[in-house]
Amino acid sequence: MPSPLRSLDNLWDGLVRWLDRVGEDGPFKVFWRHFTSWFGHRLVRRKLVAGEEIVAECKHSMVLYVLPALATLGAVLLLAITPFTPARLAWLPLLTALGLLGYALIRSLYIARDRFVVTDSRVFRVWGLFSLNEAEMEIVRLLDVTVVRPWWLRPFRSGHMVLENAAQEQGLREIHYIPHPADVARVIHALRRETTGGASSGEEEAPPKKNPRRPDHPRSPGPVTARRRQGVH
C-alpha cells in the first residue's frame, strides 16, 4: 500500500501533467476530449494490446436514441411552460424536466458506451456506465455467425448478431441493434478464413504424378506392321 507521501506525489504529478496538456492544447480541447471519452472511446482504447488493429468498431443503431430524444423534447416543452405556471406549482414542471434530462443523458451514455469491436485477432464488447463489463472471444473460436434483421429494423439498415462457439456459456453471444450487421459478419468471416487458412491454403494443387512403370512391366505393343500381320516375329 503506497504511503500518504507517495500518494500526494502521484496526485501532484497528475496535476502537473494535466496543466501541461491544458497549456499545449487549450482548455476547450482538453474538456472536449474528456467529455467524448465518457461515450466509450477510452474503453475501447484501453482494451487494445500492442500491435492490435481495429478492423470494425460497431456502435448501437440510432434507433435506440429515440426515447432519449423524446425525453429531451418533453423536458424542453416543460421548461417552456414553466414561466406560465402558477408560482406554487412551478417546481413540478421544473423538477420533471430535470428528471427527463437526467434520464436522457444517462440512457444516451449507456447506449454510446456499449460497443462491439472486431480486431485482427479477436472480437470484444465493452459496456456499462457505473459498473463496467468486458467480454471477448478469439476469432479462431468462432464457429457460426447468425444475422437477424427484423422488418422494423431493415429501413434503418440495422439488426442483431448471434455469435456461436464450442462453449456452452459465453459472455459474448448476442449483439443487438448494430448498423450493417451483414457487413460485420462478412468481415468476421474473412478474418476467420485468413486466420485459420480457410477452406484451402491458397496454394495451387500440384498436378497428379503419373504412375511410374515398373521395370518388369511388359512393353506396350507398337504399331501393327507387315511382319506382325503375317505372324512373323
C-alpha atoms as a PDB file:
ATOM      1  CA  MET A   1       0.000   0.000   0.000  1.00  0.00           C
ATOM      2  CA  PRO A   2       1.502   3.368  -1.002  1.00  0.00           C
ATOM      3  CA  SER A   3       2.335   5.797   1.743  1.00  0.00           C
ATOM      4  CA  PRO A   4       0.453   9.108   2.089  1.00  0.00           C
ATOM      5  CA  LEU A   5       3.526  10.982   0.859  1.00  0.00           C
ATOM      6  CA  ARG A   6       3.725   8.765  -2.237  1.00  0.00           C
ATOM      7  CA  SER A   7       0.013   9.264  -2.934  1.00  0.00           C
ATOM      8  CA  LEU A   8       0.474  13.042  -2.614  1.00  0.00           C
ATOM      9  CA  ASP A   9       3.377  12.904  -5.085  1.00  0.00           C
ATOM     10  CA  ASN A  10       1.245  10.956  -7.570  1.00  0.00           C
ATOM     11  CA  LEU A  11      -1.564  13.497  -7.278  1.00  0.00           C
ATOM     12  CA  TRP A  12       0.859  16.351  -7.817  1.00  0.00           C
ATOM     13  CA  ASP A  13       2.391  14.641 -10.870  1.00  0.00           C
ATOM     14  CA  GLY A  14      -1.072  14.074 -12.330  1.00  0.00           C
ATOM     15  CA  LEU A  15      -1.990  17.720 -11.778  1.00  0.00           C
ATOM     16  CA  VAL A  16       1.233  18.868 -13.465  1.00  0.00           C
ATOM     17  CA  ARG A  17       0.604  16.625 -16.486  1.00  0.00           C
ATOM     18  CA  TRP A  18      -2.975  17.911 -16.753  1.00  0.00           C
ATOM     19  CA  LEU A  19      -1.763  21.527 -16.640  1.00  0.00           C
ATOM     20  CA  ASP A  20       0.777  20.721 -19.361  1.00  0.00           C
ATOM     21  CA  ARG A  21      -1.995  19.330 -21.599  1.00  0.00           C
ATOM     22  CA  VAL A  22      -4.128  22.377 -20.939  1.00  0.00           C
ATOM     23  CA  GLY A  23      -1.212  24.656 -21.807  1.00  0.00           C
ATOM     24  CA  GLU A  24      -0.454  22.772 -25.045  1.00  0.00           C
ATOM     25  CA  ASP A  25      -3.962  22.019 -26.362  1.00  0.00           C
ATOM     26  CA  GLY A  26      -6.078  24.673 -24.660  1.00  0.00           C
ATOM     27  CA  PRO A  27      -8.847  24.204 -22.084  1.00  0.00           C
ATOM     28  CA  PHE A  28     -11.646  23.719 -24.615  1.00  0.00           C
ATOM     29  CA  LYS A  29      -9.877  20.893 -26.457  1.00  0.00           C
ATOM     30  CA  VAL A  30      -8.963  19.141 -23.193  1.00  0.00           C
ATOM     31  CA  PHE A  31     -12.552  19.440 -21.942  1.00  0.00           C
ATOM     32  CA  TRP A  32     -13.944  18.106 -25.224  1.00  0.00           C
ATOM     33  CA  ARG A  33     -11.513  15.176 -25.180  1.00  0.00           C
ATOM     34  CA  HIS A  34     -12.548  14.201 -21.668  1.00  0.00           C
ATOM     35  CA  PHE A  35     -16.224  14.697 -22.454  1.00  0.00           C
ATOM     36  CA  THR A  36     -16.117  12.452 -25.523  1.00  0.00           C
ATOM     37  CA  SER A  37     -14.181   9.804 -23.559  1.00  0.00           C
ATOM     38  CA  TRP A  38     -17.321   9.309 -21.472  1.00  0.00           C
ATOM     39  CA  PHE A  39     -19.017   7.864 -24.552  1.00  0.00           C
ATOM     40  CA  GLY A  40     -16.870   4.737 -24.809  1.00  0.00           C
ATOM     41  CA  HIS A  41     -13.846   5.804 -26.845  1.00  0.00           C
ATOM     42  CA  ARG A  42     -11.448   5.346 -23.943  1.00  0.00           C
ATOM     43  CA  LEU A  43     -12.971   1.957 -23.025  1.00  0.00           C
ATOM     44  CA  VAL A  44     -12.065   0.590 -26.446  1.00  0.00           C
ATOM     45  CA  ARG A  45      -8.547   2.026 -26.466  1.00  0.00           C
ATOM     46  CA  ARG A  46      -7.753   0.581 -23.043  1.00  0.00           C
ATOM     47  CA  LYS A  47      -8.806  -2.866 -24.242  1.00  0.00           C
ATOM     48  CA  LEU A  48      -6.317  -2.978 -27.128  1.00  0.00           C
ATOM     49  CA  VAL A  49      -2.895  -4.584 -26.809  1.00  0.00           C
ATOM     50  CA  ALA A  50       0.318  -3.558 -28.526  1.00  0.00           C
ATOM     51  CA  GLY A  51       0.207  -4.180 -32.270  1.00  0.00           C
ATOM     52  CA  GLU A  52      -3.531  -4.935 -32.371  1.00  0.00           C
ATOM     53  CA  GLU A  53      -5.508  -3.167 -35.081  1.00  0.00           C
ATOM     54  CA  ILE A  54      -9.223  -2.393 -35.149  1.00  0.00           C
ATOM     55  CA  VAL A  55     -10.980  -3.719 -38.232  1.00  0.00           C
ATOM     56  CA  ALA A  56     -14.552  -2.690 -37.335  1.00  0.00           C
ATOM     57  CA  GLU A  57     -15.998  -0.773 -34.390  1.00  0.00           C
ATOM     58  CA  CYS A  58     -19.783  -1.040 -34.086  1.00  0.00           C
ATOM     59  CA  LYS A  59     -21.848   1.388 -32.065  1.00  0.00           C
ATOM     60  CA  HIS A  60     -25.541   0.954 -31.467  1.00  0.00           C
ATOM     61  CA  SER A  61     -28.057   1.979 -34.091  1.00  0.00           C
ATOM     62  CA  MET A  62     -29.623   5.424 -33.893  1.00  0.00           C
ATOM     63  CA  VAL A  63     -32.979   3.731 -33.286  1.00  0.00           C
ATOM     64  CA  LEU A  64     -32.123   3.372 -29.596  1.00  0.00           C
ATOM     65  CA  TYR A  65     -31.766   7.128 -29.243  1.00  0.00           C
ATOM     66  CA  VAL A  66     -35.475   7.708 -29.956  1.00  0.00           C
ATOM     67  CA  LEU A  67     -36.519   7.509 -26.303  1.00  0.00           C
ATOM     68  CA  PRO A  68     -33.766   9.863 -25.053  1.00  0.00           C
ATOM     69  CA  ALA A  69     -34.650  12.298 -27.831  1.00  0.00           C
ATOM     70  CA  LEU A  70     -38.336  12.216 -26.869  1.00  0.00           C
ATOM     71  CA  ALA A  71     -37.418  12.707 -23.207  1.00  0.00           C
ATOM     72  CA  THR A  72     -35.285  15.733 -24.132  1.00  0.00           C
ATOM     73  CA  LEU A  73     -38.118  17.166 -26.217  1.00  0.00           C
ATOM     74  CA  GLY A  74     -40.534  16.704 -23.338  1.00  0.00           C
ATOM     75  CA  ALA A  75     -38.120  18.431 -20.975  1.00  0.00           C
ATOM     76  CA  VAL A  76     -37.792  21.396 -23.331  1.00  0.00           C
ATOM     77  CA  LEU A  77     -41.583  21.723 -23.549  1.00  0.00           C
ATOM     78  CA  LEU A  78     -41.917  21.590 -19.762  1.00  0.00           C
ATOM     79  CA  LEU A  79     -39.253  24.256 -19.366  1.00  0.00           C
ATOM     80  CA  ALA A  80     -41.088  26.391 -21.921  1.00  0.00           C
ATOM     81  CA  ILE A  81     -44.357  26.280 -19.969  1.00  0.00           C
ATOM     82  CA  THR A  82     -42.743  26.774 -16.569  1.00  0.00           C
ATOM     83  CA  PRO A  83     -42.933  30.626 -16.694  1.00  0.00           C
ATOM     84  CA  PHE A  84     -46.688  30.367 -17.330  1.00  0.00           C
ATOM     85  CA  THR A  85     -47.274  28.044 -14.374  1.00  0.00           C
ATOM     86  CA  PRO A  86     -48.518  29.394 -11.039  1.00  0.00           C
ATOM     87  CA  ALA A  87     -45.686  30.113  -8.626  1.00  0.00           C
ATOM     88  CA  ARG A  88     -46.784  27.486  -6.095  1.00  0.00           C
ATOM     89  CA  LEU A  89     -46.722  24.774  -8.815  1.00  0.00           C
ATOM     90  CA  ALA A  90     -43.700  25.924 -10.834  1.00  0.00           C
ATOM     91  CA  TRP A  91     -41.456  23.407  -9.121  1.00  0.00           C
ATOM     92  CA  LEU A  92     -43.408  20.474 -10.589  1.00  0.00           C
ATOM     93  CA  PRO A  93     -42.667  21.002 -14.327  1.00  0.00           C
ATOM     94  CA  LEU A  94     -39.137  22.164 -13.473  1.00  0.00           C
ATOM     95  CA  LEU A  95     -38.397  19.039 -11.449  1.00  0.00           C
ATOM     96  CA  THR A  96     -39.985  16.822 -14.103  1.00  0.00           C
ATOM     97  CA  ALA A  97     -37.906  18.470 -16.824  1.00  0.00           C
ATOM     98  CA  LEU A  98     -34.712  17.925 -14.851  1.00  0.00           C
ATOM     99  CA  GLY A  99     -35.652  14.276 -14.361  1.00  0.00           C
ATOM    100  CA  LEU A 100     -36.293  13.804 -18.084  1.00  0.00           C
ATOM    101  CA  LEU A 101     -32.988  15.461 -18.957  1.00  0.00           C
ATOM    102  CA  GLY A 102     -31.148  13.246 -16.481  1.00  0.00           C
ATOM    103  CA  TYR A 103     -32.802  10.135 -17.929  1.00  0.00           C
ATOM    104  CA  ALA A 104     -31.921  11.182 -21.482  1.00  0.00           C
ATOM    105  CA  LEU A 105     -28.285  11.818 -20.558  1.00  0.00           C
ATOM    106  CA  ILE A 106     -27.783   8.576 -18.630  1.00  0.00           C
ATOM    107  CA  ARG A 107     -29.612   6.495 -21.227  1.00  0.00           C
ATOM    108  CA  SER A 108     -27.561   8.053 -24.042  1.00  0.00           C
ATOM    109  CA  LEU A 109     -24.346   7.298 -22.161  1.00  0.00           C
ATOM    110  CA  TYR A 110     -25.370   3.681 -21.675  1.00  0.00           C
ATOM    111  CA  ILE A 111     -26.095   3.323 -25.387  1.00  0.00           C
ATOM    112  CA  ALA A 112     -22.957   5.122 -26.570  1.00  0.00           C
ATOM    113  CA  ARG A 113     -20.625   3.199 -24.252  1.00  0.00           C
ATOM    114  CA  ASP A 114     -21.866  -0.194 -25.453  1.00  0.00           C
ATOM    115  CA  ARG A 115     -19.517  -1.036 -28.336  1.00  0.00           C
ATOM    116  CA  PHE A 116     -18.708  -4.189 -30.270  1.00  0.00           C
ATOM    117  CA  VAL A 117     -15.214  -4.245 -31.764  1.00  0.00           C
ATOM    118  CA  VAL A 118     -13.617  -6.567 -34.325  1.00  0.00           C
ATOM    119  CA  THR A 119      -9.830  -6.603 -34.393  1.00  0.00           C
ATOM    120  CA  ASP A 120      -7.365  -8.602 -36.450  1.00  0.00           C
ATOM    121  CA  SER A 121      -7.244 -11.365 -33.807  1.00  0.00           C
ATOM    122  CA  ARG A 122     -10.423 -11.247 -31.681  1.00  0.00           C
ATOM    123  CA  VAL A 123     -13.840  -9.747 -31.107  1.00  0.00           C
ATOM    124  CA  PHE A 124     -14.776  -7.999 -27.878  1.00  0.00           C
ATOM    125  CA  ARG A 125     -17.533  -5.926 -26.359  1.00  0.00           C
ATOM    126  CA  VAL A 126     -17.316  -3.225 -23.682  1.00  0.00           C
ATOM    127  CA  TRP A 127     -20.336  -1.710 -21.986  1.00  0.00           C
ATOM    128  CA  GLY A 128     -21.521  -0.133 -18.760  1.00  0.00           C
ATOM    129  CA  LEU A 129     -21.586   3.291 -17.135  1.00  0.00           C
ATOM    130  CA  PHE A 130     -21.172   2.845 -13.383  1.00  0.00           C
ATOM    131  CA  SER A 131     -20.351  -0.881 -13.493  1.00  0.00           C
ATOM    132  CA  LEU A 132     -18.056  -1.727 -16.408  1.00  0.00           C
ATOM    133  CA  ASN A 133     -18.276  -5.025 -18.285  1.00  0.00           C
ATOM    134  CA  GLU A 134     -15.995  -6.643 -20.857  1.00  0.00           C
ATOM    135  CA  ALA A 135     -16.302  -9.799 -22.937  1.00  0.00           C
ATOM    136  CA  GLU A 136     -14.011 -11.124 -25.650  1.00  0.00           C
ATOM    137  CA  MET A 137     -13.541 -14.108 -27.938  1.00  0.00           C
ATOM    138  CA  GLU A 138     -10.755 -15.167 -30.251  1.00  0.00           C
ATOM    139  CA  ILE A 139     -11.545 -15.180 -33.954  1.00  0.00           C
ATOM    140  CA  VAL A 140     -10.472 -18.810 -34.300  1.00  0.00           C
ATOM    141  CA  ARG A 141     -13.068 -19.876 -31.692  1.00  0.00           C
ATOM    142  CA  LEU A 142     -15.990 -18.525 -33.697  1.00  0.00           C
ATOM    143  CA  LEU A 143     -17.971 -21.327 -35.315  1.00  0.00           C
ATOM    144  CA  ASP A 144     -21.135 -19.657 -36.614  1.00  0.00           C
ATOM    145  CA  VAL A 145     -22.373 -16.103 -37.064  1.00  0.00           C
ATOM    146  CA  THR A 146     -26.129 -15.584 -37.351  1.00  0.00           C
ATOM    147  CA  VAL A 147     -27.542 -12.285 -38.628  1.00  0.00           C
ATOM    148  CA  VAL A 148     -31.119 -11.346 -37.709  1.00  0.00           C
ATOM    149  CA  ARG A 149     -32.721  -8.348 -39.427  1.00  0.00           C
ATOM    150  CA  PRO A 150     -36.306  -7.740 -38.236  1.00  0.00           C
ATOM    151  CA  TRP A 151     -38.628  -5.997 -40.642  1.00  0.00           C
ATOM    152  CA  TRP A 152     -38.867  -2.873 -38.478  1.00  0.00           C
ATOM    153  CA  LEU A 153     -35.066  -2.511 -38.347  1.00  0.00           C
ATOM    154  CA  ARG A 154     -34.429  -3.074 -42.039  1.00  0.00           C
ATOM    155  CA  PRO A 155     -35.333   0.522 -43.040  1.00  0.00           C
ATOM    156  CA  PHE A 156     -32.597   1.669 -40.647  1.00  0.00           C
ATOM    157  CA  ARG A 157     -30.114  -0.909 -42.003  1.00  0.00           C
ATOM    158  CA  SER A 158     -29.745  -2.377 -38.527  1.00  0.00           C
ATOM    159  CA  GLY A 159     -30.157  -5.766 -36.916  1.00  0.00           C
ATOM    160  CA  HIS A 160     -28.772  -8.292 -34.462  1.00  0.00           C
ATOM    161  CA  MET A 161     -25.916 -10.799 -34.494  1.00  0.00           C
ATOM    162  CA  VAL A 162     -25.545 -14.113 -32.669  1.00  0.00           C
ATOM    163  CA  LEU A 163     -22.029 -15.499 -32.233  1.00  0.00           C
ATOM    164  CA  GLU A 164     -21.673 -19.229 -31.591  1.00  0.00           C
ATOM    165  CA  ASN A 165     -18.664 -21.166 -30.374  1.00  0.00           C
ATOM    166  CA  ALA A 166     -17.975 -24.528 -28.786  1.00  0.00           C
ATOM    167  CA  ALA A 167     -18.556 -23.285 -25.222  1.00  0.00           C
ATOM    168  CA  GLN A 168     -21.927 -23.837 -23.599  1.00  0.00           C
ATOM    169  CA  GLU A 169     -21.933 -20.459 -21.847  1.00  0.00           C
ATOM    170  CA  GLN A 170     -20.117 -17.407 -23.076  1.00  0.00           C
ATOM    171  CA  GLY A 171     -20.087 -13.749 -22.231  1.00  0.00           C
ATOM    172  CA  LEU A 172     -20.177 -12.605 -25.841  1.00  0.00           C
ATOM    173  CA  ARG A 173     -23.067 -14.121 -27.760  1.00  0.00           C
ATOM    174  CA  GLU A 174     -25.884 -11.743 -28.698  1.00  0.00           C
ATOM    175  CA  ILE A 175     -25.119  -8.307 -30.124  1.00  0.00           C
ATOM    176  CA  HIS A 176     -28.257  -6.222 -30.529  1.00  0.00           C
ATOM    177  CA  TYR A 177     -29.091  -3.137 -32.577  1.00  0.00           C
ATOM    178  CA  ILE A 178     -25.936  -2.679 -34.615  1.00  0.00           C
ATOM    179  CA  PRO A 179     -25.852  -1.000 -38.040  1.00  0.00           C
ATOM    180  CA  HIS A 180     -24.989  -3.087 -41.107  1.00  0.00           C
ATOM    181  CA  PRO A 181     -24.760  -6.470 -39.321  1.00  0.00           C
ATOM    182  CA  ALA A 182     -24.308  -8.388 -42.597  1.00  0.00           C
ATOM    183  CA  ASP A 183     -21.175  -6.357 -43.416  1.00  0.00           C
ATOM    184  CA  VAL A 184     -19.775  -7.021 -39.948  1.00  0.00           C
ATOM    185  CA  ALA A 185     -20.463 -10.743 -40.370  1.00  0.00           C
ATOM    186  CA  ARG A 186     -18.574 -10.742 -43.677  1.00  0.00           C
ATOM    187  CA  VAL A 187     -15.618  -9.020 -42.021  1.00  0.00           C
ATOM    188  CA  ILE A 188     -15.572 -11.647 -39.265  1.00  0.00           C
ATOM    189  CA  HIS A 189     -15.809 -14.448 -41.831  1.00  0.00           C
ATOM    190  CA  ALA A 190     -12.919 -13.003 -43.852  1.00  0.00           C
ATOM    191  CA  LEU A 191     -10.743 -12.683 -40.747  1.00  0.00           C
ATOM    192  CA  ARG A 192     -11.607 -16.209 -39.680  1.00  0.00           C
ATOM    193  CA  ARG A 193     -10.641 -17.601 -43.089  1.00  0.00           C
ATOM    194  CA  GLU A 194      -7.429 -15.610 -43.029  1.00  0.00           C
ATOM    195  CA  THR A 195      -6.562 -16.799 -39.515  1.00  0.00           C
ATOM    196  CA  THR A 196      -7.425 -20.465 -39.977  1.00  0.00           C
ATOM    197  CA  GLY A 197      -6.257 -20.723 -43.584  1.00  0.00           C
ATOM    198  CA  GLY A 198      -9.777 -21.010 -44.998  1.00  0.00           C
ATOM    199  CA  ALA A 199     -11.140 -23.934 -46.902  1.00  0.00           C
ATOM    200  CA  SER A 200      -7.899 -24.133 -48.828  1.00  0.00           C
ATOM    201  CA  SER A 201      -4.429 -22.964 -48.005  1.00  0.00           C
ATOM    202  CA  GLY A 202      -4.333 -20.844 -51.165  1.00  0.00           C
ATOM    203  CA  GLU A 203      -1.561 -22.862 -52.716  1.00  0.00           C
ATOM    204  CA  GLU A 204      -2.167 -24.310 -56.131  1.00  0.00           C
ATOM    205  CA  GLU A 205      -2.728 -28.006 -56.084  1.00  0.00           C
ATOM    206  CA  ALA A 206       0.137 -29.923 -57.624  1.00  0.00           C
ATOM    207  CA  PRO A 207      -0.824 -31.911 -60.734  1.00  0.00           C
ATOM    208  CA  PRO A 208      -1.166 -35.632 -60.060  1.00  0.00           C
ATOM    209  CA  LYS A 209       2.020 -37.524 -60.715  1.00  0.00           C
ATOM    210  CA  LYS A 210       1.969 -40.228 -63.324  1.00  0.00           C
ATOM    211  CA  ASN A 211       2.302 -43.718 -62.032  1.00  0.00           C
ATOM    212  CA  PRO A 212       5.880 -44.787 -62.906  1.00  0.00           C
ATOM    213  CA  ARG A 213       6.113 -48.001 -64.880  1.00  0.00           C
ATOM    214  CA  ARG A 214       7.716 -50.892 -63.099  1.00  0.00           C
ATOM    215  CA  PRO A 215      10.920 -52.261 -64.628  1.00  0.00           C
ATOM    216  CA  ASP A 216       9.287 -55.652 -65.186  1.00  0.00           C
ATOM    217  CA  HIS A 217       6.170 -54.180 -66.786  1.00  0.00           C
ATOM    218  CA  PRO A 218       5.683 -55.569 -70.340  1.00  0.00           C
ATOM    219  CA  ARG A 219       6.346 -53.112 -73.086  1.00  0.00           C
ATOM    220  CA  SER A 220       3.265 -51.789 -74.818  1.00  0.00           C
ATOM    221  CA  PRO A 221       2.844 -53.267 -78.279  1.00  0.00           C
ATOM    222  CA  GLY A 222       3.920 -50.994 -81.059  1.00  0.00           C
ATOM    223  CA  PRO A 223       2.040 -50.236 -84.240  1.00  0.00           C
ATOM    224  CA  VAL A 224       0.879 -53.087 -86.461  1.00  0.00           C
ATOM    225  CA  THR A 225       3.450 -53.862 -89.171  1.00  0.00           C
ATOM    226  CA  ALA A 226       3.551 -56.237 -92.159  1.00  0.00           C
ATOM    227  CA  ARG A 227       5.636 -58.724 -90.185  1.00  0.00           C
ATOM    228  CA  ARG A 228       3.063 -58.810 -87.397  1.00  0.00           C
ATOM    229  CA  ARG A 229       0.240 -59.117 -89.898  1.00  0.00           C
ATOM    230  CA  GLN A 230       1.842 -62.273 -91.296  1.00  0.00           C
ATOM    231  CA  GLY A 231       2.555 -63.685 -87.847  1.00  0.00           C
ATOM    232  CA  VAL A 232       6.294 -63.276 -88.256  1.00  0.00           C
ATOM    233  CA  HIS A 233       8.076 -62.153 -85.091  1.00  0.00           C
END
